[in-house]
Amino acid sequence: SYKIPYDEELEFVEVIDSLSEIYGNSRWDKR
């Protein structure tokens, strides 16, 4: 659980994950 400081009401939508299964790795869930 790595913390990155913010002070806004925000939504973070994953666009690219280098460890995604589509790139030969094992992450399949998009944040």
Full PDB file with SEQRES, HELIX, SHEET, SSBOND, CRYST1, ORIGX, SCALE, CONECT and MASTER records, all heavy atoms in Angstrom:
SEQRES   1 A   31  SER TYR LYS ILE PRO TYR ASP GLU GLU LEU GLU PHE VAL          
SEQRES   2 A   31  GLU VAL ILE ASP SER LEU SER GLU ILE TYR GLY ASN SER          
SEQRES   3 A   31  ARG TRP ASP LYS ARG                                          
HELIX    1 AA1 GLU A   21  TYR A   23  5                                   3    
CRYST1    1.000    1.000    1.000  90.00  90.00  90.00 P 1           1          
ORIGX1      1.000000  0.000000  0.000000        0.00000                         
ORIGX2      0.000000  1.000000  0.000000        0.00000                         
ORIGX3      0.000000  0.000000  1.000000        0.00000                         
SCALE1      1.000000  0.000000  0.000000        0.00000                         
SCALE2      0.000000  1.000000  0.000000        0.00000                         
SCALE3      0.000000  0.000000  1.000000        0.00000                         
ATOM      1  N   SER A   1       0.857  -1.188   0.000  1.00  0.00           N  
ATOM      2  CA  SER A   1       0.000   0.000   0.000  1.00  0.00           C  
ATOM      3  C   SER A   1       0.892   1.237   0.000  1.00  0.00           C  
ATOM      4  O   SER A   1       1.159   1.819   1.055  1.00  0.00           O  
ATOM      5  CB  SER A   1      -0.930   0.001   1.213  1.00  0.00           C  
ATOM      6  OG  SER A   1      -1.776   1.124   1.197  1.00  0.00           O  
ATOM      7  N   TYR A   2       1.313   1.612  -1.198  1.00  0.00           N  
ATOM      8  CA  TYR A   2       2.219   2.750  -1.308  1.00  0.00           C  
ATOM      9  C   TYR A   2       1.405   4.039  -1.387  1.00  0.00           C  
ATOM     10  O   TYR A   2       0.521   4.189  -2.230  1.00  0.00           O  
ATOM     11  CB  TYR A   2       3.110   2.616  -2.552  1.00  0.00           C  
ATOM     12  CG  TYR A   2       4.215   3.649  -2.576  1.00  0.00           C  
ATOM     13  CD1 TYR A   2       5.398   3.441  -1.885  1.00  0.00           C  
ATOM     14  CD2 TYR A   2       4.055   4.849  -3.260  1.00  0.00           C  
ATOM     15  CE1 TYR A   2       6.412   4.394  -1.889  1.00  0.00           C  
ATOM     16  CE2 TYR A   2       5.053   5.809  -3.277  1.00  0.00           C  
ATOM     17  CZ  TYR A   2       6.232   5.578  -2.577  1.00  0.00           C  
ATOM     18  OH  TYR A   2       7.211   6.531  -2.571  1.00  0.00           O  
ATOM     19  N   LYS A   3       1.729   5.002  -0.514  1.00  0.00           N  
ATOM     20  CA  LYS A   3       0.943   6.226  -0.373  1.00  0.00           C  
ATOM     21  C   LYS A   3       1.537   7.357  -1.227  1.00  0.00           C  
ATOM     22  O   LYS A   3       2.732   7.633  -1.177  1.00  0.00           O  
ATOM     23  CB  LYS A   3       0.904   6.678   1.086  1.00  0.00           C  
ATOM     24  CG  LYS A   3       0.324   5.641   2.064  1.00  0.00           C  
ATOM     25  CD  LYS A   3      -1.142   5.397   1.827  1.00  0.00           C  
ATOM     26  CE  LYS A   3      -1.780   4.650   2.991  1.00  0.00           C  
ATOM     27  NZ  LYS A   3      -1.160   3.369   3.308  1.00  0.00           N  
ATOM     28  N   ILE A   4       0.655   8.004  -1.982  1.00  0.00           N  
ATOM     29  CA  ILE A   4       1.013   9.194  -2.757  1.00  0.00           C  
ATOM     30  C   ILE A   4       0.095  10.321  -2.328  1.00  0.00           C  
ATOM     31  O   ILE A   4      -1.126  10.186  -2.397  1.00  0.00           O  
ATOM     32  CB  ILE A   4       0.888   8.932  -4.263  1.00  0.00           C  
ATOM     33  CG1 ILE A   4       1.834   7.801  -4.687  1.00  0.00           C  
ATOM     34  CG2 ILE A   4       1.198  10.206  -5.065  1.00  0.00           C  
ATOM     35  CD1 ILE A   4       1.718   7.405  -6.133  1.00  0.00           C  
ATOM     36  N   PRO A   5       0.643  11.419  -1.817  1.00  0.00           N  
ATOM     37  CA  PRO A   5      -0.190  12.471  -1.219  1.00  0.00           C  
ATOM     38  C   PRO A   5      -1.043  13.225  -2.242  1.00  0.00           C  
ATOM     39  O   PRO A   5      -0.558  13.629  -3.300  1.00  0.00           O  
ATOM     40  CB  PRO A   5       0.836  13.403  -0.576  1.00  0.00           C  
ATOM     41  CG  PRO A   5       2.094  13.193  -1.357  1.00  0.00           C  
ATOM     42  CD  PRO A   5       2.077  11.760  -1.765  1.00  0.00           C  
ATOM     43  N   TYR A   6      -2.320  13.374  -1.909  1.00  0.00           N  
ATOM     44  CA  TYR A   6      -3.254  14.195  -2.685  1.00  0.00           C  
ATOM     45  C   TYR A   6      -4.181  14.908  -1.719  1.00  0.00           C  
ATOM     46  O   TYR A   6      -4.385  14.469  -0.579  1.00  0.00           O  
ATOM     47  CB  TYR A   6      -4.053  13.343  -3.678  1.00  0.00           C  
ATOM     48  CG  TYR A   6      -3.362  13.158  -4.998  1.00  0.00           C  
ATOM     49  CD1 TYR A   6      -2.589  12.015  -5.228  1.00  0.00           C  
ATOM     50  CD2 TYR A   6      -3.454  14.110  -6.002  1.00  0.00           C  
ATOM     51  CE1 TYR A   6      -1.945  11.839  -6.447  1.00  0.00           C  
ATOM     52  CE2 TYR A   6      -2.795  13.947  -7.209  1.00  0.00           C  
ATOM     53  CZ  TYR A   6      -2.044  12.812  -7.435  1.00  0.00           C  
ATOM     54  OH  TYR A   6      -1.386  12.643  -8.635  1.00  0.00           O  
ATOM     55  N   ASP A   7      -4.769  15.990  -2.177  1.00  0.00           N  
ATOM     56  CA  ASP A   7      -5.727  16.733  -1.359  1.00  0.00           C  
ATOM     57  C   ASP A   7      -6.896  17.182  -2.236  1.00  0.00           C  
ATOM     58  O   ASP A   7      -7.318  18.339  -2.211  1.00  0.00           O  
ATOM     59  CB  ASP A   7      -5.052  17.940  -0.697  1.00  0.00           C  
ATOM     60  CG  ASP A   7      -5.919  18.568   0.383  1.00  0.00           C  
ATOM     61  OD1 ASP A   7      -6.791  17.854   0.914  1.00  0.00           O  
ATOM     62  OD2 ASP A   7      -5.744  19.760   0.658  1.00  0.00           O  
ATOM     63  N   GLU A   8      -7.389  16.236  -3.035  1.00  0.00           N  
ATOM     64  CA  GLU A   8      -8.495  16.524  -3.945  1.00  0.00           C  
ATOM     65  C   GLU A   8      -9.427  15.315  -3.990  1.00  0.00           C  
ATOM     66  O   GLU A   8      -9.049  14.201  -3.620  1.00  0.00           O  
ATOM     67  CB  GLU A   8      -7.975  16.798  -5.354  1.00  0.00           C  
ATOM     68  CG  GLU A   8      -6.976  17.917  -5.497  1.00  0.00           C  
ATOM     69  CD  GLU A   8      -6.379  17.955  -6.896  1.00  0.00           C  
ATOM     70  OE1 GLU A   8      -7.095  18.374  -7.825  1.00  0.00           O  
ATOM     71  OE2 GLU A   8      -5.214  17.542  -7.053  1.00  0.00           O  
ATOM     72  N   GLU A   9     -10.637  15.563  -4.455  1.00  0.00           N  
ATOM     73  CA  GLU A   9     -11.562  14.467  -4.738  1.00  0.00           C  
ATOM     74  C   GLU A   9     -11.278  14.002  -6.166  1.00  0.00           C  
ATOM     75  O   GLU A   9     -11.593  14.696  -7.133  1.00  0.00           O  
ATOM     76  CB  GLU A   9     -13.005  14.934  -4.578  1.00  0.00           C  
ATOM     77  CG  GLU A   9     -13.350  15.287  -3.137  1.00  0.00           C  
ATOM     78  CD  GLU A   9     -14.698  15.954  -2.997  1.00  0.00           C  
ATOM     79  OE1 GLU A   9     -15.265  16.337  -4.045  1.00  0.00           O  
ATOM     80  OE2 GLU A   9     -15.174  16.102  -1.868  1.00  0.00           O  
ATOM     81  N   LEU A  10     -10.669  12.833  -6.274  1.00  0.00           N  
ATOM     82  CA  LEU A  10     -10.153  12.394  -7.564  1.00  0.00           C  
ATOM     83  C   LEU A  10     -10.466  10.926  -7.827  1.00  0.00           C  
ATOM     84  O   LEU A  10     -10.614  10.126  -6.896  1.00  0.00           O  
ATOM     85  CB  LEU A  10      -8.637  12.589  -7.642  1.00  0.00           C  
ATOM     86  CG  LEU A  10      -8.110  14.022  -7.545  1.00  0.00           C  
ATOM     87  CD1 LEU A  10      -6.601  14.010  -7.449  1.00  0.00           C  
ATOM     88  CD2 LEU A  10      -8.577  14.856  -8.726  1.00  0.00           C  
ATOM     89  N   GLU A  11     -10.524  10.611  -9.102  1.00  0.00           N  
ATOM     90  CA  GLU A  11     -10.647   9.230  -9.545  1.00  0.00           C  
ATOM     91  C   GLU A  11      -9.431   8.901 -10.399  1.00  0.00           C  
ATOM     92  O   GLU A  11      -9.064   9.671 -11.294  1.00  0.00           O  
ATOM     93  CB  GLU A  11     -11.926   9.036 -10.355  1.00  0.00           C  
ATOM     94  CG  GLU A  11     -12.128   7.609 -10.843  1.00  0.00           C  
ATOM     95  CD  GLU A  11     -13.411   7.438 -11.650  1.00  0.00           C  
ATOM     96  OE1 GLU A  11     -14.082   8.462 -11.928  1.00  0.00           O  
ATOM     97  OE2 GLU A  11     -13.731   6.285 -12.010  1.00  0.00           O  
ATOM     98  N   PHE A  12      -8.799   7.776 -10.135  1.00  0.00           N  
ATOM     99  CA  PHE A  12      -7.608   7.339 -10.868  1.00  0.00           C  
ATOM    100  C   PHE A  12      -7.960   6.080 -11.667  1.00  0.00           C  
ATOM    101  O   PHE A  12      -8.303   5.045 -11.081  1.00  0.00           O  
ATOM    102  CB  PHE A  12      -6.465   7.047  -9.903  1.00  0.00           C  
ATOM    103  CG  PHE A  12      -5.980   8.262  -9.157  1.00  0.00           C  
ATOM    104  CD1 PHE A  12      -6.629   8.680  -7.991  1.00  0.00           C  
ATOM    105  CD2 PHE A  12      -4.911   9.001  -9.612  1.00  0.00           C  
ATOM    106  CE1 PHE A  12      -6.193   9.800  -7.297  1.00  0.00           C  
ATOM    107  CE2 PHE A  12      -4.473  10.121  -8.938  1.00  0.00           C  
ATOM    108  CZ  PHE A  12      -5.122  10.529  -7.777  1.00  0.00           C  
ATOM    109  N   VAL A  13      -7.870   6.206 -12.985  1.00  0.00           N  
ATOM    110  CA  VAL A  13      -8.250   5.110 -13.876  1.00  0.00           C  
ATOM    111  C   VAL A  13      -7.003   4.589 -14.586  1.00  0.00           C  
ATOM    112  O   VAL A  13      -6.308   5.349 -15.268  1.00  0.00           O  
ATOM    113  CB  VAL A  13      -9.289   5.572 -14.913  1.00  0.00           C  
ATOM    114  CG1 VAL A  13      -9.688   4.411 -15.823  1.00  0.00           C  
ATOM    115  CG2 VAL A  13     -10.520   6.161 -14.220  1.00  0.00           C  
ATOM    116  N   GLU A  14      -6.739   3.321 -14.422  1.00  0.00           N  
ATOM    117  CA  GLU A  14      -5.542   2.736 -15.030  1.00  0.00           C  
ATOM    118  C   GLU A  14      -5.612   2.775 -16.547  1.00  0.00           C  
ATOM    119  O   GLU A  14      -6.613   2.389 -17.154  1.00  0.00           O  
ATOM    120  CB  GLU A  14      -5.389   1.292 -14.556  1.00  0.00           C  
ATOM    121  CG  GLU A  14      -4.171   0.582 -15.122  1.00  0.00           C  
ATOM    122  CD  GLU A  14      -4.066  -0.850 -14.636  1.00  0.00           C  
ATOM    123  OE1 GLU A  14      -4.095  -1.073 -13.409  1.00  0.00           O  
ATOM    124  OE2 GLU A  14      -3.967  -1.736 -15.508  1.00  0.00           O  
ATOM    125  N   VAL A  15      -4.534   3.267 -17.146  1.00  0.00           N  
ATOM    126  CA  VAL A  15      -4.408   3.302 -18.603  1.00  0.00           C  
ATOM    127  C   VAL A  15      -3.404   2.264 -19.081  1.00  0.00           C  
ATOM    128  O   VAL A  15      -3.653   1.528 -20.032  1.00  0.00           O  
ATOM    129  CB  VAL A  15      -3.982   4.712 -19.069  1.00  0.00           C  
ATOM    130  CG1 VAL A  15      -3.788   4.741 -20.583  1.00  0.00           C  
ATOM    131  CG2 VAL A  15      -4.995   5.753 -18.638  1.00  0.00           C  
ATOM    132  N   ILE A  16      -2.258   2.215 -18.427  1.00  0.00           N  
ATOM    133  CA  ILE A  16      -1.219   1.242 -18.773  1.00  0.00           C  
ATOM    134  C   ILE A  16      -0.589   0.708 -17.499  1.00  0.00           C  
ATOM    135  O   ILE A  16      -0.256   1.478 -16.590  1.00  0.00           O  
ATOM    136  CB  ILE A  16      -0.131   1.868 -19.676  1.00  0.00           C  
ATOM    137  CG1 ILE A  16      -0.618   1.982 -21.120  1.00  0.00           C  
ATOM    138  CG2 ILE A  16       1.155   1.045 -19.649  1.00  0.00           C  
ATOM    139  CD1 ILE A  16       0.419   2.469 -22.104  1.00  0.00           C  
ATOM    140  N   ASP A  17      -0.447  -0.602 -17.446  1.00  0.00           N  
ATOM    141  CA  ASP A  17       0.305  -1.268 -16.374  1.00  0.00           C  
ATOM    142  C   ASP A  17       1.317  -2.182 -17.048  1.00  0.00           C  
ATOM    143  O   ASP A  17       0.940  -3.085 -17.804  1.00  0.00           O  
ATOM    144  CB  ASP A  17      -0.634  -2.073 -15.474  1.00  0.00           C  
ATOM    145  CG  ASP A  17       0.074  -2.705 -14.287  1.00  0.00           C  
ATOM    146  OD1 ASP A  17       1.323  -2.750 -14.297  1.00  0.00           O  
ATOM    147  OD2 ASP A  17      -0.606  -3.153 -13.355  1.00  0.00           O  
ATOM    148  N   SER A  18       2.583  -1.963 -16.790  1.00  0.00           N  
ATOM    149  CA  SER A  18       3.628  -2.738 -17.472  1.00  0.00           C  
ATOM    150  C   SER A  18       3.578  -4.219 -17.129  1.00  0.00           C  
ATOM    151  O   SER A  18       4.134  -5.036 -17.869  1.00  0.00           O  
ATOM    152  CB  SER A  18       5.009  -2.177 -17.121  1.00  0.00           C  
ATOM    153  OG  SER A  18       5.290  -2.355 -15.742  1.00  0.00           O  
ATOM    154  N   LEU A  19       2.929  -4.578 -16.011  1.00  0.00           N  
ATOM    155  CA  LEU A  19       2.862  -5.981 -15.587  1.00  0.00           C  
ATOM    156  C   LEU A  19       1.525  -6.618 -15.934  1.00  0.00           C  
ATOM    157  O   LEU A  19       1.179  -7.675 -15.412  1.00  0.00           O  
ATOM    158  CB  LEU A  19       3.123  -6.082 -14.079  1.00  0.00           C  
ATOM    159  CG  LEU A  19       4.488  -5.572 -13.605  1.00  0.00           C  
ATOM    160  CD1 LEU A  19       4.681  -5.836 -12.129  1.00  0.00           C  
ATOM    161  CD2 LEU A  19       5.629  -6.185 -14.407  1.00  0.00           C  
ATOM    162  N   SER A  20       0.779  -5.988 -16.822  1.00  0.00           N  
ATOM    163  CA  SER A  20      -0.509  -6.538 -17.233  1.00  0.00           C  
ATOM    164  C   SER A  20      -0.324  -7.856 -17.968  1.00  0.00           C  
ATOM    165  O   SER A  20       0.705  -8.093 -18.619  1.00  0.00           O  
ATOM    166  CB  SER A  20      -1.231  -5.532 -18.123  1.00  0.00           C  
ATOM    167  OG  SER A  20      -2.352  -6.114 -18.737  1.00  0.00           O  
ATOM    168  N   GLU A  21      -1.345  -8.694 -17.915  1.00  0.00           N  
ATOM    169  CA  GLU A  21      -1.282  -9.981 -18.596  1.00  0.00           C  
ATOM    170  C   GLU A  21      -1.164  -9.818 -20.116  1.00  0.00           C  
ATOM    171  O   GLU A  21      -0.601 -10.679 -20.795  1.00  0.00           O  
ATOM    172  CB  GLU A  21      -2.512 -10.823 -18.255  1.00  0.00           C  
ATOM    173  CG  GLU A  21      -3.826 -10.211 -18.704  1.00  0.00           C  
ATOM    174  CD  GLU A  21      -5.010 -11.121 -18.430  1.00  0.00           C  
ATOM    175  OE1 GLU A  21      -4.783 -12.293 -18.120  1.00  0.00           O  
ATOM    176  OE2 GLU A  21      -6.154 -10.645 -18.548  1.00  0.00           O  
ATOM    177  N   ILE A  22      -1.665  -8.703 -20.660  1.00  0.00           N  
ATOM    178  CA  ILE A  22      -1.568  -8.515 -22.111  1.00  0.00           C  
ATOM    179  C   ILE A  22      -0.129  -8.249 -22.545  1.00  0.00           C  
ATOM    180  O   ILE A  22       0.185  -8.310 -23.735  1.00  0.00           O  
ATOM    181  CB  ILE A  22      -2.490  -7.371 -22.604  1.00  0.00           C  
ATOM    182  CG1 ILE A  22      -2.039  -6.027 -22.041  1.00  0.00           C  
ATOM    183  CG2 ILE A  22      -3.934  -7.652 -22.270  1.00  0.00           C  
ATOM    184  CD1 ILE A  22      -2.791  -4.853 -22.635  1.00  0.00           C  
ATOM    185  N   TYR A  23       0.740  -7.969 -21.575  1.00  0.00           N  
ATOM    186  CA  TYR A  23       2.165  -7.776 -21.868  1.00  0.00           C  
ATOM    187  C   TYR A  23       3.008  -8.918 -21.318  1.00  0.00           C  
ATOM    188  O   TYR A  23       4.207  -8.770 -21.088  1.00  0.00           O  
ATOM    189  CB  TYR A  23       2.648  -6.446 -21.301  1.00  0.00           C  
ATOM    190  CG  TYR A  23       1.824  -5.262 -21.755  1.00  0.00           C  
ATOM    191  CD1 TYR A  23       1.302  -4.362 -20.835  1.00  0.00           C  
ATOM    192  CD2 TYR A  23       1.543  -5.072 -23.111  1.00  0.00           C  
ATOM    193  CE1 TYR A  23       0.532  -3.288 -21.249  1.00  0.00           C  
ATOM    194  CE2 TYR A  23       0.763  -4.003 -23.533  1.00  0.00           C  
ATOM    195  CZ  TYR A  23       0.264  -3.117 -22.599  1.00  0.00           C  
ATOM    196  OH  TYR A  23      -0.511  -2.050 -23.012  1.00  0.00           O  
ATOM    197  N   GLY A  24       2.364 -10.057 -21.097  1.00  0.00           N  
ATOM    198  CA  GLY A  24       3.097 -11.257 -20.726  1.00  0.00           C  
ATOM    199  C   GLY A  24       3.324 -11.444 -19.244  1.00  0.00           C  
ATOM    200  O   GLY A  24       4.101 -12.313 -18.850  1.00  0.00           O  
ATOM    201  N   ASN A  25       2.633 -10.638 -18.413  1.00  0.00           N  
ATOM    202  CA  ASN A  25       2.779 -10.780 -16.960  1.00  0.00           C  
ATOM    203  C   ASN A  25       1.459 -11.232 -16.343  1.00  0.00           C  
ATOM    204  O   ASN A  25       0.602 -11.775 -17.046  1.00  0.00           O  
ATOM    205  CB  ASN A  25       3.288  -9.473 -16.361  1.00  0.00           C  
ATOM    206  CG  ASN A  25       4.700  -9.136 -16.844  1.00  0.00           C  
ATOM    207  OD1 ASN A  25       4.891  -8.293 -17.716  1.00  0.00           O  
ATOM    208  ND2 ASN A  25       5.697  -9.827 -16.307  1.00  0.00           N  
ATOM    209  N   SER A  26       1.267 -11.014 -15.056  1.00  0.00           N  
ATOM    210  CA  SER A  26       0.163 -11.680 -14.367  1.00  0.00           C  
ATOM    211  C   SER A  26      -0.890 -10.749 -13.787  1.00  0.00           C  
ATOM    212  O   SER A  26      -1.840 -11.216 -13.167  1.00  0.00           O  
ATOM    213  CB  SER A  26       0.728 -12.562 -13.243  1.00  0.00           C  
ATOM    214  OG  SER A  26       1.573 -11.799 -12.393  1.00  0.00           O  
ATOM    215  N   ARG A  27      -0.761  -9.461 -13.965  1.00  0.00           N  
ATOM    216  CA  ARG A  27      -1.812  -8.558 -13.470  1.00  0.00           C  
ATOM    217  C   ARG A  27      -2.951  -8.526 -14.468  1.00  0.00           C  
ATOM    218  O   ARG A  27      -2.745  -8.272 -15.654  1.00  0.00           O  
ATOM    219  CB  ARG A  27      -1.261  -7.152 -13.264  1.00  0.00           C  
ATOM    220  CG  ARG A  27      -0.368  -7.021 -12.031  1.00  0.00           C  
ATOM    221  CD  ARG A  27      -0.424  -5.617 -11.481  1.00  0.00           C  
ATOM    222  NE  ARG A  27      -1.714  -5.321 -10.910  1.00  0.00           N  
ATOM    223  CZ  ARG A  27      -1.919  -4.964  -9.644  1.00  0.00           C  
ATOM    224  NH1 ARG A  27      -0.913  -4.860  -8.821  1.00  0.00           N  
ATOM    225  NH2 ARG A  27      -3.128  -4.708  -9.226  1.00  0.00           N  
ATOM    226  N   TRP A  28      -4.162  -8.758 -13.986  1.00  0.00           N  
ATOM    227  CA  TRP A  28      -5.307  -8.761 -14.890  1.00  0.00           C  
ATOM    228  C   TRP A  28      -6.371  -7.732 -14.502  1.00  0.00           C  
ATOM    229  O   TRP A  28      -7.157  -7.291 -15.334  1.00  0.00           O  
ATOM    230  CB  TRP A  28      -5.956 -10.148 -14.942  1.00  0.00           C  
ATOM    231  CG  TRP A  28      -6.410 -10.641 -13.586  1.00  0.00           C  
ATOM    232  CD1 TRP A  28      -5.692 -11.375 -12.698  1.00  0.00           C  
ATOM    233  CD2 TRP A  28      -7.686 -10.416 -12.985  1.00  0.00           C  
ATOM    234  NE1 TRP A  28      -6.414 -11.637 -11.557  1.00  0.00           N  
ATOM    235  CE2 TRP A  28      -7.661 -11.055 -11.710  1.00  0.00           C  
ATOM    236  CE3 TRP A  28      -8.852  -9.754 -13.377  1.00  0.00           C  
ATOM    237  CZ2 TRP A  28      -8.739 -11.044 -10.840  1.00  0.00           C  
ATOM    238  CZ3 TRP A  28      -9.944  -9.743 -12.510  1.00  0.00           C  
ATOM    239  CH2 TRP A  28      -9.882 -10.383 -11.265  1.00  0.00           C  
ATOM    240  N   ASP A  29      -6.392  -7.334 -13.232  1.00  0.00           N  
ATOM    241  CA  ASP A  29      -7.393  -6.372 -12.797  1.00  0.00           C  
ATOM    242  C   ASP A  29      -6.917  -4.951 -13.070  1.00  0.00           C  
ATOM    243  O   ASP A  29      -5.776  -4.604 -12.769  1.00  0.00           O  
ATOM    244  CB  ASP A  29      -7.701  -6.537 -11.308  1.00  0.00           C  
ATOM    245  CG  ASP A  29      -6.464  -6.409 -10.438  1.00  0.00           C  
ATOM    246  OD1 ASP A  29      -5.401  -6.891 -10.871  1.00  0.00           O  
ATOM    247  OD2 ASP A  29      -6.553  -5.796  -9.354  1.00  0.00           O  
ATOM    248  N   LYS A  30      -7.779  -4.097 -13.648  1.00  0.00           N  
ATOM    249  CA  LYS A  30      -7.438  -2.702 -13.914  1.00  0.00           C  
ATOM    250  C   LYS A  30      -7.894  -1.845 -12.744  1.00  0.00           C  
ATOM    251  O   LYS A  30      -9.021  -1.964 -12.266  1.00  0.00           O  
ATOM    252  CB  LYS A  30      -8.101  -2.227 -15.211  1.00  0.00           C  
ATOM    253  CG  LYS A  30      -7.379  -2.688 -16.464  1.00  0.00           C  
ATOM    254  CD  LYS A  30      -7.986  -2.009 -17.697  1.00  0.00           C  
ATOM    255  CE  LYS A  30      -7.134  -2.257 -18.926  1.00  0.00           C  
ATOM    256  NZ  LYS A  30      -5.860  -1.536 -18.894  1.00  0.00           N  
ATOM    257  N   ARG A  31      -7.008  -0.976 -12.295  1.00  0.00           N  
ATOM    258  CA  ARG A  31      -7.315  -0.122 -11.142  1.00  0.00           C  
ATOM    259  C   ARG A  31      -8.311   0.976 -11.530  1.00  0.00           C  
ATOM    260  O   ARG A  31      -8.210   1.578 -12.591  1.00  0.00           O  
ATOM    261  CB  ARG A  31      -6.042   0.520 -10.593  1.00  0.00           C  
ATOM    262  CG  ARG A  31      -4.994  -0.461 -10.088  1.00  0.00           C  
ATOM    263  CD  ARG A  31      -3.698   0.291  -9.827  1.00  0.00           C  
ATOM    264  NE  ARG A  31      -2.634  -0.520  -9.287  1.00  0.00           N  
ATOM    265  CZ  ARG A  31      -1.819  -1.289 -10.006  1.00  0.00           C  
ATOM    266  NH1 ARG A  31      -1.976  -1.352 -11.311  1.00  0.00           N  
ATOM    267  NH2 ARG A  31      -0.859  -1.985  -9.435  1.00  0.00           N  
TER     268      ARG A  31                                                      
MASTER        0    0    0    1    0    0    0    6  267    1    0    3          
END                                                                             
